[in-house]
mmCIF file of all heavy atoms, coordinates in Angstrom:
data_MODEL
# 
_entry.id   MODEL 
# 
loop_
_atom_site.group_PDB 
_atom_site.id 
_atom_site.type_symbol 
_atom_site.label_atom_id 
_atom_site.label_alt_id 
_atom_site.label_comp_id 
_atom_site.label_asym_id 
_atom_site.label_entity_id 
_atom_site.label_seq_id 
_atom_site.pdbx_PDB_ins_code 
_atom_site.Cartn_x 
_atom_site.Cartn_y 
_atom_site.Cartn_z 
_atom_site.occupancy 
_atom_site.B_iso_or_equiv 
_atom_site.pdbx_formal_charge 
_atom_site.auth_seq_id 
_atom_site.auth_comp_id 
_atom_site.auth_asym_id 
_atom_site.auth_atom_id 
_atom_site.pdbx_PDB_model_num 
ATOM 1   N N   . ASP A 1 1  ? -26.967 -0.975  -6.723  1.00 0.00 ? 1  ASP A N   1 
ATOM 2   C CA  . ASP A 1 1  ? -26.299 0.230   -7.215  1.00 0.00 ? 1  ASP A CA  1 
ATOM 3   C C   . ASP A 1 1  ? -24.877 -0.097  -7.636  1.00 0.00 ? 1  ASP A C   1 
ATOM 4   O O   . ASP A 1 1  ? -23.897 0.434   -7.121  1.00 0.00 ? 1  ASP A O   1 
ATOM 5   C CB  . ASP A 1 1  ? -26.312 1.326   -6.158  1.00 0.00 ? 1  ASP A CB  1 
ATOM 6   C CG  . ASP A 1 1  ? -25.569 0.932   -4.892  1.00 0.00 ? 1  ASP A CG  1 
ATOM 7   O OD1 . ASP A 1 1  ? -25.475 -0.281  -4.610  1.00 0.00 ? 1  ASP A OD1 1 
ATOM 8   O OD2 . ASP A 1 1  ? -25.051 1.837   -4.196  1.00 0.00 ? 1  ASP A OD2 1 
ATOM 9   N N   . THR A 1 2  ? -24.737 -0.956  -8.618  1.00 0.00 ? 2  THR A N   1 
ATOM 10  C CA  . THR A 1 2  ? -23.432 -1.520  -8.950  1.00 0.00 ? 2  THR A CA  1 
ATOM 11  C C   . THR A 1 2  ? -22.898 -1.000  -10.280 1.00 0.00 ? 2  THR A C   1 
ATOM 12  O O   . THR A 1 2  ? -23.651 -0.629  -11.173 1.00 0.00 ? 2  THR A O   1 
ATOM 13  C CB  . THR A 1 2  ? -23.513 -3.064  -9.021  1.00 0.00 ? 2  THR A CB  1 
ATOM 14  O OG1 . THR A 1 2  ? -24.498 -3.438  -10.022 1.00 0.00 ? 2  THR A OG1 1 
ATOM 15  C CG2 . THR A 1 2  ? -23.913 -3.644  -7.680  1.00 0.00 ? 2  THR A CG2 1 
ATOM 16  N N   . TYR A 1 3  ? -21.579 -1.012  -10.351 1.00 0.00 ? 3  TYR A N   1 
ATOM 17  C CA  . TYR A 1 3  ? -20.880 -0.697  -11.601 1.00 0.00 ? 3  TYR A CA  1 
ATOM 18  C C   . TYR A 1 3  ? -19.558 -1.466  -11.601 1.00 0.00 ? 3  TYR A C   1 
ATOM 19  O O   . TYR A 1 3  ? -18.756 -1.371  -10.674 1.00 0.00 ? 3  TYR A O   1 
ATOM 20  C CB  . TYR A 1 3  ? -20.601 0.790   -11.727 1.00 0.00 ? 3  TYR A CB  1 
ATOM 21  C CG  . TYR A 1 3  ? -19.711 1.119   -12.914 1.00 0.00 ? 3  TYR A CG  1 
ATOM 22  C CD1 . TYR A 1 3  ? -20.131 0.852   -14.213 1.00 0.00 ? 3  TYR A CD1 1 
ATOM 23  C CD2 . TYR A 1 3  ? -18.436 1.671   -12.739 1.00 0.00 ? 3  TYR A CD2 1 
ATOM 24  C CE1 . TYR A 1 3  ? -19.319 1.119   -15.300 1.00 0.00 ? 3  TYR A CE1 1 
ATOM 25  C CE2 . TYR A 1 3  ? -17.619 1.966   -13.828 1.00 0.00 ? 3  TYR A CE2 1 
ATOM 26  C CZ  . TYR A 1 3  ? -18.066 1.676   -15.106 1.00 0.00 ? 3  TYR A CZ  1 
ATOM 27  O OH  . TYR A 1 3  ? -17.267 1.940   -16.185 1.00 0.00 ? 3  TYR A OH  1 
ATOM 28  N N   . GLY A 1 4  ? -19.365 -2.248  -12.641 1.00 0.00 ? 4  GLY A N   1 
ATOM 29  C CA  . GLY A 1 4  ? -18.099 -2.943  -12.821 1.00 0.00 ? 4  GLY A CA  1 
ATOM 30  C C   . GLY A 1 4  ? -17.849 -4.115  -11.901 1.00 0.00 ? 4  GLY A C   1 
ATOM 31  O O   . GLY A 1 4  ? -16.723 -4.589  -11.801 1.00 0.00 ? 4  GLY A O   1 
ATOM 32  N N   . THR A 1 5  ? -18.895 -4.612  -11.220 1.00 0.00 ? 5  THR A N   1 
ATOM 33  C CA  . THR A 1 5  ? -18.690 -5.771  -10.365 1.00 0.00 ? 5  THR A CA  1 
ATOM 34  C C   . THR A 1 5  ? -18.529 -7.055  -11.177 1.00 0.00 ? 5  THR A C   1 
ATOM 35  O O   . THR A 1 5  ? -17.993 -8.042  -10.675 1.00 0.00 ? 5  THR A O   1 
ATOM 36  C CB  . THR A 1 5  ? -19.871 -5.952  -9.399  1.00 0.00 ? 5  THR A CB  1 
ATOM 37  O OG1 . THR A 1 5  ? -21.078 -6.134  -10.144 1.00 0.00 ? 5  THR A OG1 1 
ATOM 38  C CG2 . THR A 1 5  ? -20.004 -4.738  -8.490  1.00 0.00 ? 5  THR A CG2 1 
ATOM 39  N N   . ARG A 1 6  ? -19.000 -7.020  -12.444 1.00 0.00 ? 6  ARG A N   1 
ATOM 40  C CA  . ARG A 1 6  ? -18.807 -8.144  -13.362 1.00 0.00 ? 6  ARG A CA  1 
ATOM 41  C C   . ARG A 1 6  ? -18.430 -7.572  -14.725 1.00 0.00 ? 6  ARG A C   1 
ATOM 42  O O   . ARG A 1 6  ? -18.684 -6.410  -15.017 1.00 0.00 ? 6  ARG A O   1 
ATOM 43  C CB  . ARG A 1 6  ? -20.098 -8.970  -13.509 1.00 0.00 ? 6  ARG A CB  1 
ATOM 44  C CG  . ARG A 1 6  ? -20.554 -9.659  -12.229 1.00 0.00 ? 6  ARG A CG  1 
ATOM 45  C CD  . ARG A 1 6  ? -21.898 -10.312 -12.459 1.00 0.00 ? 6  ARG A CD  1 
ATOM 46  N NE  . ARG A 1 6  ? -22.377 -11.045 -11.295 1.00 0.00 ? 6  ARG A NE  1 
ATOM 47  C CZ  . ARG A 1 6  ? -23.564 -11.614 -11.208 1.00 0.00 ? 6  ARG A CZ  1 
ATOM 48  N NH1 . ARG A 1 6  ? -24.407 -11.537 -12.234 1.00 0.00 ? 6  ARG A NH1 1 
ATOM 49  N NH2 . ARG A 1 6  ? -23.926 -12.272 -10.133 1.00 0.00 ? 6  ARG A NH2 1 
ATOM 50  N N   . ARG A 1 7  ? -17.841 -8.419  -15.554 1.00 0.00 ? 7  ARG A N   1 
ATOM 51  C CA  . ARG A 1 7  ? -17.453 -8.035  -16.886 1.00 0.00 ? 7  ARG A CA  1 
ATOM 52  C C   . ARG A 1 7  ? -18.126 -8.957  -17.898 1.00 0.00 ? 7  ARG A C   1 
ATOM 53  O O   . ARG A 1 7  ? -18.320 -10.152 -17.631 1.00 0.00 ? 7  ARG A O   1 
ATOM 54  C CB  . ARG A 1 7  ? -15.930 -8.110  -17.063 1.00 0.00 ? 7  ARG A CB  1 
ATOM 55  C CG  . ARG A 1 7  ? -15.174 -7.106  -16.209 1.00 0.00 ? 7  ARG A CG  1 
ATOM 56  C CD  . ARG A 1 7  ? -14.986 -5.810  -16.937 1.00 0.00 ? 7  ARG A CD  1 
ATOM 57  N NE  . ARG A 1 7  ? -14.481 -4.739  -16.093 1.00 0.00 ? 7  ARG A NE  1 
ATOM 58  C CZ  . ARG A 1 7  ? -14.146 -3.538  -16.558 1.00 0.00 ? 7  ARG A CZ  1 
ATOM 59  N NH1 . ARG A 1 7  ? -14.266 -3.264  -17.849 1.00 0.00 ? 7  ARG A NH1 1 
ATOM 60  N NH2 . ARG A 1 7  ? -13.714 -2.605  -15.737 1.00 0.00 ? 7  ARG A NH2 1 
ATOM 61  N N   . SER A 1 8  ? -18.470 -8.403  -19.050 1.00 0.00 ? 8  SER A N   1 
ATOM 62  C CA  . SER A 1 8  ? -19.141 -9.212  -20.073 1.00 0.00 ? 8  SER A CA  1 
ATOM 63  C C   . SER A 1 8  ? -18.199 -10.273 -20.621 1.00 0.00 ? 8  SER A C   1 
ATOM 64  O O   . SER A 1 8  ? -16.976 -10.073 -20.678 1.00 0.00 ? 8  SER A O   1 
ATOM 65  C CB  . SER A 1 8  ? -19.648 -8.323  -21.210 1.00 0.00 ? 8  SER A CB  1 
ATOM 66  O OG  . SER A 1 8  ? -18.569 -7.688  -21.860 1.00 0.00 ? 8  SER A OG  1 
ATOM 67  N N   . ARG A 1 9  ? -18.787 -11.385 -21.023 1.00 0.00 ? 9  ARG A N   1 
ATOM 68  C CA  . ARG A 1 9  ? -18.000 -12.483 -21.600 1.00 0.00 ? 9  ARG A CA  1 
ATOM 69  C C   . ARG A 1 9  ? -17.361 -12.036 -22.920 1.00 0.00 ? 9  ARG A C   1 
ATOM 70  O O   . ARG A 1 9  ? -16.224 -12.398 -23.221 1.00 0.00 ? 9  ARG A O   1 
ATOM 71  C CB  . ARG A 1 9  ? -18.933 -13.679 -21.829 1.00 0.00 ? 9  ARG A CB  1 
ATOM 72  C CG  . ARG A 1 9  ? -18.237 -14.992 -22.159 1.00 0.00 ? 9  ARG A CG  1 
ATOM 73  C CD  . ARG A 1 9  ? -19.243 -16.119 -22.191 1.00 0.00 ? 9  ARG A CD  1 
ATOM 74  N NE  . ARG A 1 9  ? -20.168 -16.009 -23.314 1.00 0.00 ? 9  ARG A NE  1 
ATOM 75  C CZ  . ARG A 1 9  ? -20.119 -16.754 -24.406 1.00 0.00 ? 9  ARG A CZ  1 
ATOM 76  N NH1 . ARG A 1 9  ? -19.189 -17.679 -24.524 1.00 0.00 ? 9  ARG A NH1 1 
ATOM 77  N NH2 . ARG A 1 9  ? -20.992 -16.591 -25.380 1.00 0.00 ? 9  ARG A NH2 1 
ATOM 78  N N   . ILE A 1 10 ? -18.086 -11.272 -23.699 1.00 0.00 ? 10 ILE A N   1 
ATOM 79  C CA  . ILE A 1 10 ? -17.575 -10.742 -24.959 1.00 0.00 ? 10 ILE A CA  1 
ATOM 80  C C   . ILE A 1 10 ? -17.145 -9.303  -24.721 1.00 0.00 ? 10 ILE A C   1 
ATOM 81  O O   . ILE A 1 10 ? -17.926 -8.452  -24.295 1.00 0.00 ? 10 ILE A O   1 
ATOM 82  C CB  . ILE A 1 10 ? -18.659 -10.779 -26.059 1.00 0.00 ? 10 ILE A CB  1 
ATOM 83  C CG1 . ILE A 1 10 ? -19.244 -12.177 -26.203 1.00 0.00 ? 10 ILE A CG1 1 
ATOM 84  C CG2 . ILE A 1 10 ? -18.105 -10.261 -27.380 1.00 0.00 ? 10 ILE A CG2 1 
ATOM 85  C CD1 . ILE A 1 10 ? -18.280 -13.224 -26.670 1.00 0.00 ? 10 ILE A CD1 1 
ATOM 86  N N   . GLY A 1 11 ? -15.894 -8.985  -24.957 1.00 0.00 ? 11 GLY A N   1 
ATOM 87  C CA  . GLY A 1 11 ? -15.430 -7.610  -24.886 1.00 0.00 ? 11 GLY A CA  1 
ATOM 88  C C   . GLY A 1 11 ? -14.999 -7.121  -23.529 1.00 0.00 ? 11 GLY A C   1 
ATOM 89  O O   . GLY A 1 11 ? -14.356 -6.080  -23.408 1.00 0.00 ? 11 GLY A O   1 
ATOM 90  N N   . GLY A 1 12 ? -15.386 -7.825  -22.443 1.00 0.00 ? 12 GLY A N   1 
ATOM 91  C CA  . GLY A 1 12 ? -14.965 -7.428  -21.104 1.00 0.00 ? 12 GLY A CA  1 
ATOM 92  C C   . GLY A 1 12 ? -15.511 -6.104  -20.635 1.00 0.00 ? 12 GLY A C   1 
ATOM 93  O O   . GLY A 1 12 ? -14.857 -5.360  -19.909 1.00 0.00 ? 12 GLY A O   1 
ATOM 94  N N   . PHE A 1 13 ? -16.773 -5.780  -20.999 1.00 0.00 ? 13 PHE A N   1 
ATOM 95  C CA  . PHE A 1 13 ? -17.371 -4.513  -20.591 1.00 0.00 ? 13 PHE A CA  1 
ATOM 96  C C   . PHE A 1 13 ? -17.927 -4.610  -19.171 1.00 0.00 ? 13 PHE A C   1 
ATOM 97  O O   . PHE A 1 13 ? -18.426 -5.657  -18.752 1.00 0.00 ? 13 PHE A O   1 
ATOM 98  C CB  . PHE A 1 13 ? -18.503 -4.117  -21.550 1.00 0.00 ? 13 PHE A CB  1 
ATOM 99  C CG  . PHE A 1 13 ? -18.020 -3.754  -22.919 1.00 0.00 ? 13 PHE A CG  1 
ATOM 100 C CD1 . PHE A 1 13 ? -17.931 -4.708  -23.921 1.00 0.00 ? 13 PHE A CD1 1 
ATOM 101 C CD2 . PHE A 1 13 ? -17.622 -2.464  -23.202 1.00 0.00 ? 13 PHE A CD2 1 
ATOM 102 C CE1 . PHE A 1 13 ? -17.466 -4.382  -25.185 1.00 0.00 ? 13 PHE A CE1 1 
ATOM 103 C CE2 . PHE A 1 13 ? -17.154 -2.112  -24.458 1.00 0.00 ? 13 PHE A CE2 1 
ATOM 104 C CZ  . PHE A 1 13 ? -17.072 -3.087  -25.449 1.00 0.00 ? 13 PHE A CZ  1 
ATOM 105 N N   . PRO A 1 14 ? -17.868 -3.508  -18.409 1.00 0.00 ? 14 PRO A N   1 
ATOM 106 C CA  . PRO A 1 14 ? -18.407 -3.527  -17.048 1.00 0.00 ? 14 PRO A CA  1 
ATOM 107 C C   . PRO A 1 14 ? -19.921 -3.500  -17.046 1.00 0.00 ? 14 PRO A C   1 
ATOM 108 O O   . PRO A 1 14 ? -20.557 -2.856  -17.892 1.00 0.00 ? 14 PRO A O   1 
ATOM 109 C CB  . PRO A 1 14 ? -17.836 -2.239  -16.432 1.00 0.00 ? 14 PRO A CB  1 
ATOM 110 C CG  . PRO A 1 14 ? -17.660 -1.322  -17.601 1.00 0.00 ? 14 PRO A CG  1 
ATOM 111 C CD  . PRO A 1 14 ? -17.273 -2.197  -18.756 1.00 0.00 ? 14 PRO A CD  1 
ATOM 112 N N   . GLU A 1 15 ? -20.517 -4.219  -16.084 1.00 0.00 ? 15 GLU A N   1 
ATOM 113 C CA  . GLU A 1 15 ? -21.979 -4.088  -15.928 1.00 0.00 ? 15 GLU A CA  1 
ATOM 114 C C   . GLU A 1 15 ? -22.296 -2.693  -15.393 1.00 0.00 ? 15 GLU A C   1 
ATOM 115 O O   . GLU A 1 15 ? -21.499 -2.083  -14.673 1.00 0.00 ? 15 GLU A O   1 
ATOM 116 C CB  . GLU A 1 15 ? -22.523 -5.169  -14.986 1.00 0.00 ? 15 GLU A CB  1 
ATOM 117 C CG  . GLU A 1 15 ? -21.885 -5.246  -13.604 1.00 0.00 ? 15 GLU A CG  1 
ATOM 118 C CD  . GLU A 1 15 ? -22.399 -4.238  -12.605 1.00 0.00 ? 15 GLU A CD  1 
ATOM 119 O OE1 . GLU A 1 15 ? -23.507 -3.688  -12.828 1.00 0.00 ? 15 GLU A OE1 1 
ATOM 120 O OE2 . GLU A 1 15 ? -21.707 -3.965  -11.614 1.00 0.00 ? 15 GLU A OE2 1 
ATOM 121 N N   . VAL A 1 16 ? -23.453 -2.180  -15.766 1.00 0.00 ? 16 VAL A N   1 
ATOM 122 C CA  . VAL A 1 16 ? -23.944 -0.874  -15.307 1.00 0.00 ? 16 VAL A CA  1 
ATOM 123 C C   . VAL A 1 16 ? -25.328 -1.094  -14.704 1.00 0.00 ? 16 VAL A C   1 
ATOM 124 O O   . VAL A 1 16 ? -26.253 -1.482  -15.400 1.00 0.00 ? 16 VAL A O   1 
ATOM 125 C CB  . VAL A 1 16 ? -24.027 0.148   -16.459 1.00 0.00 ? 16 VAL A CB  1 
ATOM 126 C CG1 . VAL A 1 16 ? -24.487 1.503   -15.929 1.00 0.00 ? 16 VAL A CG1 1 
ATOM 127 C CG2 . VAL A 1 16 ? -22.687 0.261   -17.182 1.00 0.00 ? 16 VAL A CG2 1 
ATOM 128 N N   . LEU A 1 17 ? -25.431 -0.903  -13.375 1.00 0.00 ? 17 LEU A N   1 
ATOM 129 C CA  . LEU A 1 17 ? -26.670 -1.252  -12.668 1.00 0.00 ? 17 LEU A CA  1 
ATOM 130 C C   . LEU A 1 17 ? -27.081 -2.682  -12.976 1.00 0.00 ? 17 LEU A C   1 
ATOM 131 O O   . LEU A 1 17 ? -28.254 -3.003  -13.133 1.00 0.00 ? 17 LEU A O   1 
ATOM 132 C CB  . LEU A 1 17 ? -27.797 -0.267  -13.037 1.00 0.00 ? 17 LEU A CB  1 
ATOM 133 C CG  . LEU A 1 17 ? -27.635 1.159   -12.483 1.00 0.00 ? 17 LEU A CG  1 
ATOM 134 C CD1 . LEU A 1 17 ? -28.716 2.053   -13.041 1.00 0.00 ? 17 LEU A CD1 1 
ATOM 135 C CD2 . LEU A 1 17 ? -27.673 1.170   -10.958 1.00 0.00 ? 17 LEU A CD2 1 
ATOM 136 N N   . GLY A 1 18 ? -26.089 -3.546  -13.075 1.00 0.00 ? 18 GLY A N   1 
ATOM 137 C CA  . GLY A 1 18 ? -26.331 -4.960  -13.293 1.00 0.00 ? 18 GLY A CA  1 
ATOM 138 C C   . GLY A 1 18 ? -26.516 -5.358  -14.730 1.00 0.00 ? 18 GLY A C   1 
ATOM 139 O O   . GLY A 1 18 ? -26.612 -6.553  -15.039 1.00 0.00 ? 18 GLY A O   1 
ATOM 140 N N   . ALA A 1 19 ? -26.581 -4.400  -15.656 1.00 0.00 ? 19 ALA A N   1 
ATOM 141 C CA  . ALA A 1 19 ? -26.891 -4.707  -17.060 1.00 0.00 ? 19 ALA A CA  1 
ATOM 142 C C   . ALA A 1 19 ? -25.639 -4.690  -17.916 1.00 0.00 ? 19 ALA A C   1 
ATOM 143 O O   . ALA A 1 19 ? -24.767 -3.836  -17.765 1.00 0.00 ? 19 ALA A O   1 
ATOM 144 C CB  . ALA A 1 19 ? -27.912 -3.714  -17.596 1.00 0.00 ? 19 ALA A CB  1 
ATOM 145 N N   . MET A 1 20 ? -25.603 -5.642  -18.854 1.00 0.00 ? 20 MET A N   1 
ATOM 146 C CA  . MET A 1 20 ? -24.520 -5.717  -19.831 1.00 0.00 ? 20 MET A CA  1 
ATOM 147 C C   . MET A 1 20 ? -24.942 -5.037  -21.134 1.00 0.00 ? 20 MET A C   1 
ATOM 148 O O   . MET A 1 20 ? -26.135 -4.803  -21.371 1.00 0.00 ? 20 MET A O   1 
ATOM 149 C CB  . MET A 1 20 ? -24.175 -7.186  -20.102 1.00 0.00 ? 20 MET A CB  1 
ATOM 150 C CG  . MET A 1 20 ? -23.621 -7.933  -18.903 1.00 0.00 ? 20 MET A CG  1 
ATOM 151 S SD  . MET A 1 20 ? -22.049 -7.233  -18.355 1.00 0.00 ? 20 MET A SD  1 
ATOM 152 C CE  . MET A 1 20 ? -21.640 -8.354  -16.999 1.00 0.00 ? 20 MET A CE  1 
ATOM 153 N N   . PRO A 1 21 ? -23.990 -4.732  -22.025 1.00 0.00 ? 21 PRO A N   1 
ATOM 154 C CA  . PRO A 1 21 ? -24.353 -4.073  -23.294 1.00 0.00 ? 21 PRO A CA  1 
ATOM 155 C C   . PRO A 1 21 ? -25.202 -4.959  -24.190 1.00 0.00 ? 21 PRO A C   1 
ATOM 156 O O   . PRO A 1 21 ? -24.804 -6.067  -24.553 1.00 0.00 ? 21 PRO A O   1 
ATOM 157 C CB  . PRO A 1 21 ? -22.985 -3.798  -23.932 1.00 0.00 ? 21 PRO A CB  1 
ATOM 158 C CG  . PRO A 1 21 ? -21.994 -3.828  -22.825 1.00 0.00 ? 21 PRO A CG  1 
ATOM 159 C CD  . PRO A 1 21 ? -22.531 -4.851  -21.870 1.00 0.00 ? 21 PRO A CD  1 
ATOM 160 N N   . ALA A 1 22 ? -26.377 -4.452  -24.553 1.00 0.00 ? 22 ALA A N   1 
ATOM 161 C CA  . ALA A 1 22 ? -27.281 -5.236  -25.392 1.00 0.00 ? 22 ALA A CA  1 
ATOM 162 C C   . ALA A 1 22 ? -26.736 -5.431  -26.806 1.00 0.00 ? 22 ALA A C   1 
ATOM 163 O O   . ALA A 1 22 ? -27.154 -6.342  -27.517 1.00 0.00 ? 22 ALA A O   1 
ATOM 164 C CB  . ALA A 1 22 ? -28.648 -4.574  -25.442 1.00 0.00 ? 22 ALA A CB  1 
ATOM 165 N N   . SER A 1 23 ? -25.810 -4.581  -27.226 1.00 0.00 ? 23 SER A N   1 
ATOM 166 C CA  . SER A 1 23 ? -25.202 -4.748  -28.548 1.00 0.00 ? 23 SER A CA  1 
ATOM 167 C C   . SER A 1 23 ? -24.488 -6.081  -28.687 1.00 0.00 ? 23 SER A C   1 
ATOM 168 O O   . SER A 1 23 ? -24.222 -6.539  -29.802 1.00 0.00 ? 23 SER A O   1 
ATOM 169 C CB  . SER A 1 23 ? -24.217 -3.607  -28.821 1.00 0.00 ? 23 SER A CB  1 
ATOM 170 O OG  . SER A 1 23 ? -24.856 -2.357  -28.797 1.00 0.00 ? 23 SER A OG  1 
ATOM 171 N N   . LEU A 1 24 ? -24.154 -6.710  -27.554 1.00 0.00 ? 24 LEU A N   1 
ATOM 172 C CA  . LEU A 1 24 ? -23.406 -7.981  -27.578 1.00 0.00 ? 24 LEU A CA  1 
ATOM 173 C C   . LEU A 1 24 ? -24.304 -9.204  -27.669 1.00 0.00 ? 24 LEU A C   1 
ATOM 174 O O   . LEU A 1 24 ? -23.800 -10.334 -27.727 1.00 0.00 ? 24 LEU A O   1 
ATOM 175 C CB  . LEU A 1 24 ? -22.554 -8.085  -26.298 1.00 0.00 ? 24 LEU A CB  1 
ATOM 176 C CG  . LEU A 1 24 ? -21.563 -6.962  -26.035 1.00 0.00 ? 24 LEU A CG  1 
ATOM 177 C CD1 . LEU A 1 24 ? -20.881 -7.187  -24.686 1.00 0.00 ? 24 LEU A CD1 1 
ATOM 178 C CD2 . LEU A 1 24 ? -20.534 -6.864  -27.154 1.00 0.00 ? 24 LEU A CD2 1 
ATOM 179 N N   . LEU A 1 25 ? -25.624 -9.015  -27.665 1.00 0.00 ? 25 LEU A N   1 
ATOM 180 C CA  . LEU A 1 25 ? -26.517 -10.169 -27.572 1.00 0.00 ? 25 LEU A CA  1 
ATOM 181 C C   . LEU A 1 25 ? -26.257 -11.212 -28.654 1.00 0.00 ? 25 LEU A C   1 
ATOM 182 O O   . LEU A 1 25 ? -26.195 -12.413 -28.361 1.00 0.00 ? 25 LEU A O   1 
ATOM 183 C CB  . LEU A 1 25 ? -27.973 -9.682  -27.665 1.00 0.00 ? 25 LEU A CB  1 
ATOM 184 C CG  . LEU A 1 25 ? -28.638 -9.291  -26.345 1.00 0.00 ? 25 LEU A CG  1 
ATOM 185 C CD1 . LEU A 1 25 ? -29.950 -8.564  -26.598 1.00 0.00 ? 25 LEU A CD1 1 
ATOM 186 C CD2 . LEU A 1 25 ? -28.874 -10.536 -25.482 1.00 0.00 ? 25 LEU A CD2 1 
ATOM 187 N N   . ALA A 1 26 ? -26.122 -10.794 -29.904 1.00 0.00 ? 26 ALA A N   1 
ATOM 188 C CA  . ALA A 1 26 ? -25.926 -11.771 -30.985 1.00 0.00 ? 26 ALA A CA  1 
ATOM 189 C C   . ALA A 1 26 ? -24.657 -12.580 -30.752 1.00 0.00 ? 26 ALA A C   1 
ATOM 190 O O   . ALA A 1 26 ? -24.654 -13.811 -30.884 1.00 0.00 ? 26 ALA A O   1 
ATOM 191 C CB  . ALA A 1 26 ? -25.859 -11.063 -32.334 1.00 0.00 ? 26 ALA A CB  1 
ATOM 192 N N   . ASP A 1 27 ? -23.573 -11.917 -30.375 1.00 0.00 ? 27 ASP A N   1 
ATOM 193 C CA  . ASP A 1 27 ? -22.318 -12.631 -30.143 1.00 0.00 ? 27 ASP A CA  1 
ATOM 194 C C   . ASP A 1 27 ? -22.386 -13.502 -28.899 1.00 0.00 ? 27 ASP A C   1 
ATOM 195 O O   . ASP A 1 27 ? -21.758 -14.580 -28.849 1.00 0.00 ? 27 ASP A O   1 
ATOM 196 C CB  . ASP A 1 27 ? -21.171 -11.634 -30.016 1.00 0.00 ? 27 ASP A CB  1 
ATOM 197 C CG  . ASP A 1 27 ? -20.861 -10.950 -31.352 1.00 0.00 ? 27 ASP A CG  1 
ATOM 198 O OD1 . ASP A 1 27 ? -21.052 -11.582 -32.398 1.00 0.00 ? 27 ASP A OD1 1 
ATOM 199 O OD2 . ASP A 1 27 ? -20.447 -9.782  -31.325 1.00 0.00 ? 27 ASP A OD2 1 
ATOM 200 N N   . GLU A 1 28 ? -23.124 -13.079 -27.879 1.00 0.00 ? 28 GLU A N   1 
ATOM 201 C CA  . GLU A 1 28 ? -23.261 -13.888 -26.666 1.00 0.00 ? 28 GLU A CA  1 
ATOM 202 C C   . GLU A 1 28 ? -24.028 -15.183 -26.966 1.00 0.00 ? 28 GLU A C   1 
ATOM 203 O O   . GLU A 1 28 ? -23.796 -16.209 -26.328 1.00 0.00 ? 28 GLU A O   1 
ATOM 204 C CB  . GLU A 1 28 ? -23.963 -13.100 -25.566 1.00 0.00 ? 28 GLU A CB  1 
ATOM 205 C CG  . GLU A 1 28 ? -23.140 -11.964 -24.981 1.00 0.00 ? 28 GLU A CG  1 
ATOM 206 C CD  . GLU A 1 28 ? -22.042 -12.444 -24.037 1.00 0.00 ? 28 GLU A CD  1 
ATOM 207 O OE1 . GLU A 1 28 ? -21.814 -13.668 -23.939 1.00 0.00 ? 28 GLU A OE1 1 
ATOM 208 O OE2 . GLU A 1 28 ? -21.393 -11.599 -23.401 1.00 0.00 ? 28 GLU A OE2 1 
ATOM 209 N N   . VAL A 1 29 ? -24.934 -15.139 -27.929 1.00 0.00 ? 29 VAL A N   1 
ATOM 210 C CA  . VAL A 1 29 ? -25.663 -16.345 -28.319 1.00 0.00 ? 29 VAL A CA  1 
ATOM 211 C C   . VAL A 1 29 ? -24.799 -17.264 -29.171 1.00 0.00 ? 29 VAL A C   1 
ATOM 212 O O   . VAL A 1 29 ? -24.824 -18.490 -29.023 1.00 0.00 ? 29 VAL A O   1 
ATOM 213 C CB  . VAL A 1 29 ? -26.950 -15.963 -29.086 1.00 0.00 ? 29 VAL A CB  1 
ATOM 214 C CG1 . VAL A 1 29 ? -27.628 -17.215 -29.649 1.00 0.00 ? 29 VAL A CG1 1 
ATOM 215 C CG2 . VAL A 1 29 ? -27.922 -15.224 -28.172 1.00 0.00 ? 29 VAL A CG2 1 
# 
């Protein structure tokens, strides 16, 4: 039940229930 325990490599977005924004997939690759 997590929010903001990690930040995305691109954009620094908080995880939501462990998930990062899928819109970032292309840039993360």
